[in-house]
């Protein structure tokens, strides 16, 4: 299943989010996945703990954060969540990011790799990234993806 379908199925697209606390952004990104049975609350706490311990290794130069944790930290089934922030924020000691794509994988391979490849392809498309940053609603994001 493509990332767009996973985002729609999980009802996990949030646009125009105003938040300056990276921990709250992690919780916001995780909430639709918790609500819809993809992850346990322990998963996003593991993401926060990993960030505090190891830094925000999941933030890329393009202003994209891909927070995640290990499958055993509370993944029930594969899922993605997308949060578009109005203003970029730093995650712990990282560069700033305004596009947050949380992913949860049941294992280290399989369908999730396809989704990650799709995200990497998005990162390489400046036009798509610019459109995502200008998007005003979920329907617009879905059309872009």
N, C-alpha and C. Protein backbone atom coordinates (compact mmCIF):
# COMPACT_ATOMS: atom_id res chain seq x y z
N UNK A 1 0.85 -1.19 0.00
CA UNK A 1 0.00 0.00 0.00
C UNK A 1 0.90 1.25 0.00
N UNK A 2 0.57 2.21 -0.84
CA UNK A 2 1.36 3.43 -0.96
C UNK A 2 1.16 4.32 0.27
N UNK A 3 2.12 5.22 0.49
CA UNK A 3 2.06 6.10 1.65
C UNK A 3 0.78 6.92 1.67
N UNK A 4 0.32 7.38 0.50
CA UNK A 4 -0.91 8.17 0.46
C UNK A 4 -2.08 7.36 1.02
N UNK A 5 -2.21 6.11 0.61
CA UNK A 5 -3.29 5.27 1.09
C UNK A 5 -3.17 5.00 2.59
N UNK A 6 -1.94 4.79 3.06
CA UNK A 6 -1.72 4.56 4.49
C UNK A 6 -2.10 5.79 5.31
N UNK A 7 -1.76 6.97 4.81
CA UNK A 7 -2.12 8.21 5.51
C UNK A 7 -3.63 8.41 5.56
N UNK A 8 -4.30 8.12 4.45
CA UNK A 8 -5.76 8.27 4.39
C UNK A 8 -6.42 7.26 5.32
N UNK A 9 -5.98 5.99 5.24
CA UNK A 9 -6.57 4.93 6.06
C UNK A 9 -6.43 5.25 7.56
N UNK A 10 -5.28 5.80 7.95
CA UNK A 10 -5.03 6.10 9.37
C UNK A 10 -5.60 7.45 9.79
N UNK A 11 -6.18 8.19 8.83
CA UNK A 11 -6.69 9.54 9.11
C UNK A 11 -5.60 10.36 9.79
N UNK A 12 -4.40 10.33 9.18
CA UNK A 12 -3.20 10.83 9.85
C UNK A 12 -2.51 11.97 9.10
N UNK A 13 -3.30 12.90 8.56
CA UNK A 13 -2.74 14.09 7.91
C UNK A 13 -3.19 15.30 8.71
N UNK A 14 -2.23 16.08 9.19
CA UNK A 14 -2.52 17.31 9.94
C UNK A 14 -1.79 18.47 9.25
N UNK A 15 -2.54 19.50 8.91
CA UNK A 15 -2.01 20.63 8.15
C UNK A 15 -2.17 21.92 8.96
N UNK A 16 -1.18 22.81 8.83
CA UNK A 16 -1.29 24.12 9.48
C UNK A 16 -1.12 24.06 10.99
N UNK A 17 -0.31 23.14 11.47
CA UNK A 17 -0.10 22.97 12.90
C UNK A 17 0.86 24.04 13.41
N UNK A 18 0.45 24.69 14.49
CA UNK A 18 1.30 25.70 15.14
C UNK A 18 1.76 25.14 16.48
N UNK A 19 3.04 24.81 16.55
CA UNK A 19 3.61 24.25 17.77
C UNK A 19 5.11 24.51 17.79
N UNK A 20 5.63 24.85 18.96
CA UNK A 20 7.06 25.13 19.07
C UNK A 20 7.80 24.08 19.90
N UNK A 21 7.07 23.19 20.56
CA UNK A 21 7.67 22.15 21.40
C UNK A 21 7.75 20.84 20.60
N UNK A 22 8.96 20.39 20.32
CA UNK A 22 9.13 19.19 19.48
C UNK A 22 8.50 17.95 20.12
N UNK A 23 8.50 17.86 21.43
CA UNK A 23 7.89 16.70 22.08
C UNK A 23 6.38 16.68 21.82
N UNK A 24 5.76 17.84 21.84
CA UNK A 24 4.33 17.91 21.55
C UNK A 24 4.06 17.54 20.09
N UNK A 25 4.96 17.93 19.19
CA UNK A 25 4.81 17.57 17.77
C UNK A 25 4.89 16.06 17.60
N UNK A 26 5.81 15.42 18.31
CA UNK A 26 5.91 13.95 18.26
C UNK A 26 4.58 13.33 18.72
N UNK A 27 4.03 13.85 19.82
CA UNK A 27 2.75 13.32 20.32
C UNK A 27 1.62 13.58 19.31
N UNK A 28 1.61 14.78 18.71
CA UNK A 28 0.59 15.09 17.70
C UNK A 28 0.68 14.14 16.51
N UNK A 29 1.89 13.89 16.06
CA UNK A 29 2.09 12.99 14.92
C UNK A 29 1.63 11.58 15.26
N UNK A 30 1.86 11.17 16.50
CA UNK A 30 1.52 9.82 16.92
C UNK A 30 0.03 9.63 17.20
N UNK A 31 -0.67 10.68 17.59
CA UNK A 31 -2.04 10.53 18.09
C UNK A 31 -2.99 9.82 17.12
N UNK A 32 -3.01 10.18 15.83
CA UNK A 32 -3.93 9.45 14.93
C UNK A 32 -3.56 7.96 14.82
N UNK A 33 -2.27 7.66 14.93
CA UNK A 33 -1.84 6.26 14.85
C UNK A 33 -2.26 5.51 16.11
N UNK A 34 -2.22 6.17 17.26
CA UNK A 34 -2.70 5.57 18.50
C UNK A 34 -4.22 5.38 18.41
N UNK A 35 -4.92 6.45 18.03
CA UNK A 35 -6.39 6.43 17.97
C UNK A 35 -6.93 5.36 17.04
N UNK A 36 -6.19 5.06 15.97
CA UNK A 36 -6.68 4.13 14.96
C UNK A 36 -6.02 2.76 15.01
N UNK A 37 -5.33 2.47 16.13
CA UNK A 37 -4.83 1.12 16.37
C UNK A 37 -3.56 0.72 15.66
N UNK A 38 -2.74 1.69 15.27
CA UNK A 38 -1.48 1.38 14.60
C UNK A 38 -0.33 1.22 15.60
N UNK A 39 -0.34 2.04 16.65
CA UNK A 39 0.73 2.01 17.66
C UNK A 39 0.13 2.17 19.05
N UNK A 40 0.92 1.80 20.04
CA UNK A 40 0.59 2.05 21.44
C UNK A 40 1.19 3.40 21.85
N UNK A 41 0.68 4.03 22.89
CA UNK A 41 1.28 5.29 23.35
C UNK A 41 2.76 5.15 23.70
N UNK A 42 3.17 3.96 24.06
CA UNK A 42 4.59 3.74 24.39
C UNK A 42 5.50 4.02 23.20
N UNK A 43 4.96 3.93 21.98
CA UNK A 43 5.78 4.14 20.78
C UNK A 43 6.28 5.58 20.71
N UNK A 44 5.39 6.56 20.87
CA UNK A 44 5.86 7.94 20.75
C UNK A 44 6.74 8.32 21.93
N UNK A 45 6.52 7.71 23.09
CA UNK A 45 7.42 7.98 24.22
C UNK A 45 8.81 7.43 23.91
N UNK A 46 8.87 6.29 23.22
CA UNK A 46 10.17 5.73 22.81
C UNK A 46 10.87 6.66 21.83
N UNK A 47 10.11 7.28 20.92
CA UNK A 47 10.70 8.25 19.98
C UNK A 47 11.30 9.42 20.76
N UNK A 48 10.56 9.94 21.73
CA UNK A 48 11.05 11.06 22.54
C UNK A 48 12.30 10.63 23.31
N UNK A 49 12.26 9.47 23.95
CA UNK A 49 13.41 8.99 24.72
C UNK A 49 14.64 8.79 23.83
N UNK A 50 14.44 8.21 22.64
CA UNK A 50 15.55 8.02 21.70
C UNK A 50 16.15 9.37 21.28
N UNK A 51 15.28 10.35 21.06
CA UNK A 51 15.75 11.67 20.66
C UNK A 51 16.58 12.31 21.77
N UNK A 52 16.11 12.19 22.99
CA UNK A 52 16.85 12.75 24.13
C UNK A 52 18.20 12.05 24.31
N UNK A 53 18.22 10.74 24.04
CA UNK A 53 19.45 9.97 24.24
C UNK A 53 20.43 10.07 23.07
N UNK A 54 19.91 10.03 21.85
CA UNK A 54 20.77 9.94 20.66
C UNK A 54 20.72 11.17 19.76
N UNK A 55 19.87 12.13 20.06
CA UNK A 55 19.70 13.28 19.19
C UNK A 55 18.65 12.99 18.12
N UNK A 56 18.34 14.02 17.36
CA UNK A 56 17.30 13.90 16.32
C UNK A 56 17.95 13.49 15.00
N UNK A 57 18.42 12.24 14.97
CA UNK A 57 19.09 11.68 13.79
C UNK A 57 18.14 11.56 12.60
N UNK A 58 16.86 11.77 12.82
CA UNK A 58 15.83 11.60 11.79
C UNK A 58 15.44 12.90 11.11
N UNK A 59 16.18 13.99 11.37
CA UNK A 59 15.89 15.27 10.72
C UNK A 59 16.87 15.44 9.56
N UNK A 60 16.32 15.75 8.39
CA UNK A 60 17.12 15.88 7.17
C UNK A 60 17.25 17.34 6.76
N UNK A 61 18.26 17.64 5.97
CA UNK A 61 18.54 19.01 5.51
C UNK A 61 17.35 19.67 4.85
N UNK A 62 16.51 18.88 4.23
CA UNK A 62 15.37 19.41 3.48
C UNK A 62 14.27 19.96 4.39
N UNK A 63 14.49 19.95 5.71
CA UNK A 63 13.45 20.42 6.63
C UNK A 63 12.39 19.39 6.91
N UNK A 64 12.79 18.12 6.78
CA UNK A 64 11.87 17.01 7.00
C UNK A 64 12.36 16.18 8.18
N UNK A 65 11.45 15.88 9.09
CA UNK A 65 11.74 14.99 10.22
C UNK A 65 10.97 13.70 10.01
N UNK A 66 11.63 12.57 10.23
CA UNK A 66 10.99 11.26 10.12
C UNK A 66 11.16 10.50 11.43
N UNK A 67 10.49 10.96 12.49
CA UNK A 67 10.64 10.28 13.78
C UNK A 67 10.08 8.87 13.76
N UNK A 68 10.80 7.98 14.43
CA UNK A 68 10.39 6.57 14.48
C UNK A 68 11.12 5.90 15.64
N UNK A 69 10.65 4.71 15.98
CA UNK A 69 11.29 3.89 17.01
C UNK A 69 11.26 2.44 16.53
N UNK A 70 11.81 1.56 17.33
CA UNK A 70 11.89 0.15 16.96
C UNK A 70 10.49 -0.50 17.03
N UNK A 71 10.27 -1.53 16.24
CA UNK A 71 8.96 -2.19 16.22
C UNK A 71 8.49 -2.64 17.61
N UNK A 72 9.41 -3.14 18.43
CA UNK A 72 9.02 -3.66 19.74
C UNK A 72 8.63 -2.56 20.74
N UNK A 73 8.74 -1.31 20.32
CA UNK A 73 8.37 -0.18 21.19
C UNK A 73 6.87 0.14 21.15
N UNK A 74 6.10 -0.70 20.48
CA UNK A 74 4.65 -0.49 20.51
C UNK A 74 3.96 -0.43 19.16
N UNK A 75 4.57 -1.01 18.12
CA UNK A 75 3.93 -1.02 16.81
C UNK A 75 2.94 -2.19 16.74
N UNK A 76 1.72 -1.88 16.36
CA UNK A 76 0.69 -2.89 16.17
C UNK A 76 0.61 -3.27 14.69
N UNK A 77 0.62 -2.25 13.82
CA UNK A 77 0.65 -2.50 12.38
C UNK A 77 1.33 -1.31 11.69
N UNK A 78 1.82 -1.53 10.48
CA UNK A 78 2.53 -0.50 9.73
C UNK A 78 1.66 0.73 9.52
N UNK A 79 2.26 1.91 9.72
CA UNK A 79 1.50 3.13 9.51
C UNK A 79 2.39 4.35 9.35
N UNK A 80 1.80 5.38 8.77
CA UNK A 80 2.46 6.68 8.59
C UNK A 80 1.55 7.78 9.09
N UNK A 81 2.16 8.87 9.53
CA UNK A 81 1.44 10.07 9.94
C UNK A 81 2.20 11.27 9.37
N UNK A 82 1.47 12.28 8.94
CA UNK A 82 2.07 13.48 8.35
C UNK A 82 1.57 14.71 9.09
N UNK A 83 2.52 15.53 9.55
CA UNK A 83 2.20 16.81 10.19
C UNK A 83 2.95 17.90 9.43
N UNK A 84 2.20 18.88 8.93
CA UNK A 84 2.80 20.04 8.27
C UNK A 84 2.72 21.22 9.24
N UNK A 85 3.88 21.67 9.69
CA UNK A 85 3.96 22.77 10.65
C UNK A 85 3.94 24.11 9.93
N UNK A 86 3.28 25.10 10.53
CA UNK A 86 3.28 26.45 9.96
C UNK A 86 4.68 27.05 9.97
N UNK A 87 5.44 26.78 11.03
CA UNK A 87 6.81 27.29 11.16
C UNK A 87 7.74 26.14 11.51
N UNK A 88 8.94 26.10 10.92
CA UNK A 88 9.89 25.04 11.25
C UNK A 88 10.33 25.13 12.72
N UNK A 89 10.56 23.97 13.32
CA UNK A 89 11.07 23.92 14.69
C UNK A 89 12.25 22.95 14.75
N UNK A 90 13.10 23.12 15.76
CA UNK A 90 14.21 22.20 16.00
C UNK A 90 13.71 21.05 16.86
N UNK A 91 14.15 19.86 16.55
CA UNK A 91 13.87 18.68 17.35
C UNK A 91 15.12 18.41 18.18
N UNK A 92 15.03 18.69 19.48
CA UNK A 92 16.19 18.60 20.36
C UNK A 92 17.30 19.50 19.79
N UNK A 93 18.41 18.90 19.38
CA UNK A 93 19.57 19.66 18.92
C UNK A 93 19.69 19.72 17.40
N UNK A 94 18.61 19.43 16.70
CA UNK A 94 18.67 19.27 15.24
C UNK A 94 18.51 20.59 14.49
N UNK A 95 18.66 20.47 13.18
CA UNK A 95 18.24 21.53 12.28
C UNK A 95 16.72 21.63 12.39
N UNK A 96 16.16 22.71 11.87
CA UNK A 96 14.71 22.88 11.94
C UNK A 96 14.01 22.09 10.83
N UNK A 97 12.79 21.66 11.15
CA UNK A 97 11.97 20.93 10.19
C UNK A 97 10.53 21.42 10.28
N UNK A 98 9.84 21.41 9.15
CA UNK A 98 8.43 21.79 9.13
C UNK A 98 7.53 20.71 8.53
N UNK A 99 8.13 19.66 8.01
CA UNK A 99 7.38 18.51 7.52
C UNK A 99 7.78 17.32 8.39
N UNK A 100 6.79 16.75 9.09
CA UNK A 100 7.06 15.66 10.02
C UNK A 100 6.31 14.42 9.53
N UNK A 101 7.07 13.37 9.24
CA UNK A 101 6.48 12.12 8.77
C UNK A 101 6.88 11.03 9.76
N UNK A 102 5.95 10.69 10.65
CA UNK A 102 6.22 9.61 11.59
C UNK A 102 5.88 8.30 10.90
N UNK A 103 6.74 7.31 11.10
CA UNK A 103 6.37 5.99 10.59
C UNK A 103 6.55 4.94 11.68
N UNK A 104 5.73 3.93 11.58
CA UNK A 104 5.76 2.81 12.50
C UNK A 104 5.79 1.54 11.66
N UNK A 105 6.78 0.69 11.93
CA UNK A 105 6.93 -0.53 11.15
C UNK A 105 6.92 -1.74 12.06
N UNK A 106 6.18 -2.76 11.65
CA UNK A 106 6.12 -4.01 12.42
C UNK A 106 7.45 -4.75 12.39
N UNK A 107 8.18 -4.57 11.31
CA UNK A 107 9.51 -5.18 11.20
C UNK A 107 10.37 -4.27 10.34
N UNK A 108 11.61 -4.67 10.15
CA UNK A 108 12.54 -3.77 9.46
C UNK A 108 12.48 -3.89 7.94
N UNK A 109 11.55 -4.67 7.41
CA UNK A 109 11.44 -4.78 5.95
C UNK A 109 9.98 -4.77 5.54
N UNK A 110 9.71 -5.29 4.38
CA UNK A 110 8.32 -5.39 3.94
C UNK A 110 7.77 -4.07 3.42
N UNK A 111 6.47 -3.86 3.66
CA UNK A 111 5.75 -2.74 3.07
C UNK A 111 6.32 -1.39 3.49
N UNK A 112 6.86 -1.30 4.67
CA UNK A 112 7.34 -0.01 5.17
C UNK A 112 8.49 0.52 4.31
N UNK A 113 9.32 -0.40 3.77
CA UNK A 113 10.43 0.03 2.92
C UNK A 113 9.91 0.76 1.68
N UNK A 114 8.81 0.26 1.13
CA UNK A 114 8.20 0.92 -0.02
C UNK A 114 7.78 2.34 0.34
N UNK A 115 7.20 2.51 1.51
CA UNK A 115 6.80 3.83 1.97
C UNK A 115 7.98 4.75 2.18
N UNK A 116 9.04 4.22 2.76
CA UNK A 116 10.24 5.04 2.99
C UNK A 116 10.85 5.45 1.67
N UNK A 117 10.89 4.54 0.71
CA UNK A 117 11.40 4.89 -0.63
C UNK A 117 10.56 6.02 -1.23
N UNK A 118 9.24 5.94 -1.05
CA UNK A 118 8.36 7.00 -1.58
C UNK A 118 8.68 8.34 -0.91
N UNK A 119 8.94 8.31 0.38
CA UNK A 119 9.29 9.55 1.10
C UNK A 119 10.60 10.11 0.57
N UNK A 120 11.59 9.24 0.40
CA UNK A 120 12.89 9.68 -0.13
C UNK A 120 12.72 10.30 -1.51
N UNK A 121 11.86 9.70 -2.33
CA UNK A 121 11.58 10.28 -3.66
C UNK A 121 10.94 11.66 -3.53
N UNK A 122 10.03 11.81 -2.57
CA UNK A 122 9.41 13.12 -2.32
C UNK A 122 10.46 14.16 -1.95
N UNK A 123 11.39 13.76 -1.08
CA UNK A 123 12.43 14.69 -0.62
C UNK A 123 13.26 15.22 -1.79
N UNK A 124 13.40 14.39 -2.81
CA UNK A 124 14.20 14.79 -3.96
C UNK A 124 13.43 15.64 -4.97
N UNK A 125 12.14 15.85 -4.76
CA UNK A 125 11.31 16.61 -5.69
C UNK A 125 10.98 17.98 -5.08
N UNK A 126 11.77 18.99 -5.46
CA UNK A 126 11.60 20.33 -4.89
C UNK A 126 10.21 20.89 -5.12
N UNK A 127 9.61 20.58 -6.27
CA UNK A 127 8.28 21.08 -6.58
C UNK A 127 7.24 20.51 -5.62
N UNK A 128 7.30 19.20 -5.38
CA UNK A 128 6.36 18.56 -4.47
C UNK A 128 6.54 19.10 -3.05
N UNK A 129 7.79 19.27 -2.63
CA UNK A 129 8.06 19.78 -1.29
C UNK A 129 7.49 21.20 -1.13
N UNK A 130 7.67 22.03 -2.14
CA UNK A 130 7.13 23.39 -2.08
C UNK A 130 5.61 23.37 -2.02
N UNK A 131 4.98 22.49 -2.81
CA UNK A 131 3.52 22.39 -2.78
C UNK A 131 3.01 21.92 -1.42
N UNK A 132 3.70 20.94 -0.82
CA UNK A 132 3.30 20.46 0.50
C UNK A 132 3.36 21.59 1.52
N UNK A 133 4.42 22.39 1.43
CA UNK A 133 4.58 23.49 2.39
C UNK A 133 3.51 24.57 2.22
N UNK A 134 2.95 24.68 1.04
CA UNK A 134 1.89 25.68 0.79
C UNK A 134 0.49 25.12 1.02
N UNK A 135 0.38 23.81 1.18
CA UNK A 135 -0.94 23.17 1.30
C UNK A 135 -1.72 23.74 2.47
N UNK A 136 -3.02 23.93 2.25
CA UNK A 136 -3.90 24.52 3.27
C UNK A 136 -4.86 23.51 3.89
N UNK A 137 -4.93 22.30 3.32
CA UNK A 137 -5.87 21.32 3.85
C UNK A 137 -5.49 19.89 3.48
N UNK A 138 -6.14 18.94 4.14
CA UNK A 138 -5.85 17.53 3.91
C UNK A 138 -6.09 17.12 2.46
N UNK A 139 -7.20 17.60 1.87
CA UNK A 139 -7.52 17.22 0.49
C UNK A 139 -6.43 17.68 -0.47
N UNK A 140 -5.89 18.86 -0.21
CA UNK A 140 -4.80 19.38 -1.06
C UNK A 140 -3.55 18.51 -0.92
N UNK A 141 -3.24 18.09 0.30
CA UNK A 141 -2.09 17.21 0.53
C UNK A 141 -2.28 15.91 -0.21
N UNK A 142 -3.46 15.33 -0.11
CA UNK A 142 -3.75 14.06 -0.80
C UNK A 142 -3.57 14.21 -2.30
N UNK A 143 -4.04 15.33 -2.86
CA UNK A 143 -3.88 15.56 -4.30
C UNK A 143 -2.41 15.69 -4.68
N UNK A 144 -1.60 16.32 -3.82
CA UNK A 144 -0.17 16.48 -4.10
C UNK A 144 0.55 15.14 -4.08
N UNK A 145 0.18 14.31 -3.11
CA UNK A 145 0.83 13.00 -2.98
C UNK A 145 0.39 12.06 -4.10
